[in-house]
N, C-alpha and C. Protein backbone atom coordinates (compact mmCIF):
# COMPACT_ATOMS: atom_id res chain seq x y z
N MET A 1 2.11 48.41 21.52
CA MET A 1 3.00 47.27 21.39
C MET A 1 3.02 46.83 19.93
N SER A 2 4.19 46.77 19.36
CA SER A 2 4.32 46.39 17.95
C SER A 2 4.33 44.86 17.82
N MET A 3 4.25 44.43 16.60
CA MET A 3 4.18 42.99 16.32
C MET A 3 5.48 42.29 16.74
N THR A 4 6.61 42.91 16.51
CA THR A 4 7.89 42.28 16.86
C THR A 4 8.09 42.20 18.37
N GLU A 5 7.45 43.07 19.10
CA GLU A 5 7.56 43.00 20.56
C GLU A 5 6.72 41.86 21.13
N ARG A 6 5.68 41.46 20.41
CA ARG A 6 4.82 40.38 20.90
C ARG A 6 5.44 39.00 20.63
N ILE A 7 6.31 38.91 19.67
CA ILE A 7 6.93 37.64 19.32
C ILE A 7 8.09 37.37 20.28
N PRO A 8 8.10 36.20 20.93
CA PRO A 8 9.18 35.89 21.89
C PRO A 8 10.46 35.46 21.16
N LEU A 9 11.15 36.43 20.60
CA LEU A 9 12.35 36.14 19.81
C LEU A 9 13.44 35.47 20.63
N ASP A 10 13.58 35.83 21.89
CA ASP A 10 14.62 35.22 22.73
C ASP A 10 14.37 33.73 22.93
N ARG A 11 13.12 33.36 23.21
CA ARG A 11 12.79 31.94 23.43
C ARG A 11 12.94 31.15 22.13
N ILE A 12 12.55 31.77 21.02
CA ILE A 12 12.69 31.09 19.73
C ILE A 12 14.16 30.86 19.41
N SER A 13 14.98 31.84 19.62
CA SER A 13 16.42 31.70 19.37
C SER A 13 17.03 30.63 20.28
N GLU A 14 16.60 30.60 21.53
CA GLU A 14 17.11 29.61 22.47
C GLU A 14 16.75 28.20 22.03
N ARG A 15 15.52 28.01 21.59
CA ARG A 15 15.10 26.69 21.10
C ARG A 15 15.86 26.30 19.84
N ALA A 16 16.07 27.27 18.95
CA ALA A 16 16.79 26.98 17.71
C ALA A 16 18.23 26.55 18.00
N ARG A 17 18.86 27.15 18.98
CA ARG A 17 20.23 26.77 19.34
C ARG A 17 20.27 25.40 20.01
N ALA A 18 19.20 25.02 20.71
CA ALA A 18 19.16 23.75 21.43
C ALA A 18 18.80 22.57 20.53
N ALA A 19 18.34 22.84 19.31
CA ALA A 19 17.94 21.76 18.40
C ALA A 19 19.15 20.93 18.01
N ARG A 20 18.96 19.63 17.95
CA ARG A 20 20.04 18.71 17.59
C ARG A 20 19.88 18.31 16.12
N PRO A 21 20.82 18.69 15.27
CA PRO A 21 20.68 18.34 13.84
C PRO A 21 20.77 16.83 13.60
N GLY A 22 21.55 16.13 14.39
CA GLY A 22 21.67 14.68 14.22
C GLY A 22 20.35 13.98 14.49
N ARG A 23 19.69 14.40 15.54
CA ARG A 23 18.40 13.79 15.89
C ARG A 23 17.35 14.11 14.84
N THR A 24 17.40 15.33 14.33
CA THR A 24 16.46 15.72 13.28
C THR A 24 16.70 14.91 12.01
N ALA A 25 17.97 14.73 11.67
CA ALA A 25 18.30 13.93 10.48
C ALA A 25 17.84 12.48 10.65
N LEU A 26 18.01 11.92 11.85
CA LEU A 26 17.54 10.56 12.11
C LEU A 26 16.03 10.45 11.99
N ALA A 27 15.33 11.47 12.45
CA ALA A 27 13.87 11.47 12.34
C ALA A 27 13.44 11.52 10.88
N VAL A 28 14.14 12.31 10.08
CA VAL A 28 13.82 12.38 8.64
C VAL A 28 14.09 11.05 7.96
N VAL A 29 15.23 10.42 8.27
CA VAL A 29 15.57 9.12 7.68
C VAL A 29 14.55 8.07 8.11
N ALA A 30 14.18 8.09 9.38
CA ALA A 30 13.18 7.13 9.88
C ALA A 30 11.85 7.34 9.17
N GLY A 31 11.46 8.58 8.98
CA GLY A 31 10.22 8.87 8.27
C GLY A 31 10.26 8.38 6.83
N LEU A 32 11.39 8.57 6.17
CA LEU A 32 11.53 8.09 4.79
C LEU A 32 11.47 6.57 4.72
N LEU A 33 12.16 5.90 5.64
CA LEU A 33 12.13 4.44 5.65
C LEU A 33 10.72 3.91 5.96
N PHE A 34 10.03 4.57 6.87
CA PHE A 34 8.66 4.17 7.17
C PHE A 34 7.78 4.34 5.94
N GLY A 35 7.93 5.46 5.25
CA GLY A 35 7.15 5.70 4.03
C GLY A 35 7.45 4.67 2.95
N LEU A 36 8.73 4.33 2.77
CA LEU A 36 9.08 3.31 1.79
C LEU A 36 8.50 1.94 2.17
N GLY A 37 8.54 1.61 3.45
CA GLY A 37 7.96 0.35 3.89
C GLY A 37 6.46 0.30 3.68
N TRP A 38 5.80 1.42 3.93
CA TRP A 38 4.35 1.49 3.73
C TRP A 38 4.02 1.33 2.26
N LEU A 39 4.78 2.01 1.39
CA LEU A 39 4.54 1.88 -0.04
C LEU A 39 4.80 0.45 -0.53
N ALA A 40 5.85 -0.17 -0.01
CA ALA A 40 6.15 -1.56 -0.40
C ALA A 40 5.02 -2.49 0.04
N PHE A 41 4.50 -2.27 1.24
CA PHE A 41 3.39 -3.09 1.73
C PHE A 41 2.17 -2.93 0.83
N LYS A 42 1.85 -1.69 0.49
CA LYS A 42 0.69 -1.44 -0.38
C LYS A 42 0.89 -2.07 -1.75
N ALA A 43 2.10 -1.98 -2.30
CA ALA A 43 2.38 -2.57 -3.61
C ALA A 43 2.22 -4.09 -3.55
N CYS A 44 2.73 -4.71 -2.49
CA CYS A 44 2.59 -6.16 -2.34
C CYS A 44 1.13 -6.56 -2.15
N ALA A 45 0.38 -5.75 -1.41
CA ALA A 45 -1.04 -6.05 -1.20
C ALA A 45 -1.81 -5.98 -2.51
N VAL A 46 -1.53 -4.97 -3.32
CA VAL A 46 -2.20 -4.84 -4.61
C VAL A 46 -1.79 -5.97 -5.54
N ALA A 47 -0.50 -6.32 -5.53
CA ALA A 47 -0.03 -7.43 -6.38
C ALA A 47 -0.68 -8.74 -5.97
N TRP A 48 -0.78 -8.99 -4.67
CA TRP A 48 -1.42 -10.21 -4.19
C TRP A 48 -2.88 -10.25 -4.59
N LEU A 49 -3.58 -9.13 -4.48
CA LEU A 49 -4.98 -9.07 -4.88
C LEU A 49 -5.12 -9.37 -6.36
N ALA A 50 -4.22 -8.82 -7.18
CA ALA A 50 -4.28 -9.07 -8.62
C ALA A 50 -4.06 -10.55 -8.94
N VAL A 51 -3.07 -11.16 -8.28
CA VAL A 51 -2.78 -12.58 -8.51
C VAL A 51 -3.96 -13.44 -8.05
N ALA A 52 -4.50 -13.15 -6.87
CA ALA A 52 -5.64 -13.92 -6.35
C ALA A 52 -6.86 -13.75 -7.25
N TRP A 53 -7.08 -12.55 -7.76
CA TRP A 53 -8.23 -12.29 -8.62
C TRP A 53 -8.07 -13.06 -9.93
N CYS A 54 -6.88 -13.03 -10.51
CA CYS A 54 -6.64 -13.77 -11.76
C CYS A 54 -6.79 -15.28 -11.54
N GLY A 55 -6.27 -15.78 -10.42
CA GLY A 55 -6.43 -17.20 -10.12
C GLY A 55 -7.88 -17.59 -9.96
N SER A 56 -8.65 -16.77 -9.29
CA SER A 56 -10.07 -17.04 -9.11
C SER A 56 -10.81 -17.00 -10.44
N ALA A 57 -10.43 -16.07 -11.31
CA ALA A 57 -11.06 -15.98 -12.62
C ALA A 57 -10.77 -17.24 -13.45
N VAL A 58 -9.55 -17.74 -13.38
CA VAL A 58 -9.19 -18.96 -14.11
C VAL A 58 -9.99 -20.14 -13.58
N ILE A 59 -10.10 -20.27 -12.27
CA ILE A 59 -10.86 -21.37 -11.67
C ILE A 59 -12.33 -21.30 -12.08
N GLU A 60 -12.91 -20.11 -12.02
CA GLU A 60 -14.32 -19.96 -12.40
C GLU A 60 -14.53 -20.34 -13.86
N ASP A 61 -13.65 -19.87 -14.74
CA ASP A 61 -13.81 -20.18 -16.16
C ASP A 61 -13.59 -21.67 -16.41
N TRP A 62 -12.64 -22.27 -15.71
CA TRP A 62 -12.38 -23.69 -15.86
C TRP A 62 -13.63 -24.50 -15.48
N GLN A 63 -14.24 -24.13 -14.35
CA GLN A 63 -15.44 -24.85 -13.92
C GLN A 63 -16.60 -24.63 -14.89
N ALA A 64 -16.76 -23.41 -15.38
CA ALA A 64 -17.84 -23.14 -16.33
C ALA A 64 -17.64 -23.91 -17.63
N SER A 65 -16.41 -24.02 -18.10
CA SER A 65 -16.15 -24.75 -19.34
C SER A 65 -16.35 -26.25 -19.14
N ARG A 66 -16.02 -26.76 -17.96
CA ARG A 66 -16.25 -28.18 -17.69
C ARG A 66 -17.75 -28.48 -17.67
N GLN A 67 -18.52 -27.57 -17.05
CA GLN A 67 -19.98 -27.75 -17.05
C GLN A 67 -20.53 -27.70 -18.46
N ALA A 68 -20.06 -26.74 -19.25
CA ALA A 68 -20.54 -26.62 -20.62
C ALA A 68 -20.18 -27.87 -21.43
N GLU A 69 -18.99 -28.40 -21.22
CA GLU A 69 -18.57 -29.62 -21.92
C GLU A 69 -19.43 -30.81 -21.51
N THR A 70 -19.77 -30.91 -20.22
CA THR A 70 -20.64 -32.00 -19.75
C THR A 70 -22.02 -31.90 -20.38
N VAL A 71 -22.56 -30.69 -20.44
CA VAL A 71 -23.88 -30.48 -21.06
C VAL A 71 -23.81 -30.82 -22.55
N ARG A 72 -22.75 -30.39 -23.22
CA ARG A 72 -22.60 -30.67 -24.66
C ARG A 72 -22.52 -32.17 -24.92
N ARG A 73 -21.76 -32.87 -24.08
CA ARG A 73 -21.66 -34.31 -24.27
C ARG A 73 -22.97 -35.02 -23.95
N ALA A 74 -23.70 -34.53 -22.95
CA ALA A 74 -24.99 -35.15 -22.61
C ALA A 74 -25.98 -34.98 -23.77
N ARG A 75 -25.94 -33.82 -24.40
CA ARG A 75 -26.83 -33.59 -25.54
C ARG A 75 -26.44 -34.47 -26.74
N ALA A 76 -25.17 -34.76 -26.86
CA ALA A 76 -24.70 -35.59 -27.95
C ALA A 76 -24.86 -37.07 -27.63
N GLY A 77 -25.22 -37.38 -26.39
CA GLY A 77 -25.44 -38.76 -25.99
C GLY A 77 -24.19 -39.48 -25.50
N ARG A 78 -23.13 -38.73 -25.22
CA ARG A 78 -21.90 -39.36 -24.75
C ARG A 78 -21.57 -38.81 -23.37
N VAL A 79 -22.24 -39.31 -22.35
CA VAL A 79 -21.99 -38.86 -21.00
C VAL A 79 -20.77 -39.61 -20.46
N ARG A 80 -19.88 -38.92 -19.86
CA ARG A 80 -18.66 -39.50 -19.31
C ARG A 80 -18.88 -40.04 -17.94
């Protein structure tokens, strides 16, 4: 038995003729839209993390500078 005899060419041809190109195109479009939505979600998540991180850094530095200013004024004898 040769290799071509083992391959079910008739069934493969039948399936290929039964395939719906419209449905396949819709599946491809749906996959692309899903991928774009996933990428947009990831981009927004990273942007939000960056904004939150920068905001937290500003708050931390603000509090540290206020503490340093309070200590400096206490050493100078002018406590607020």
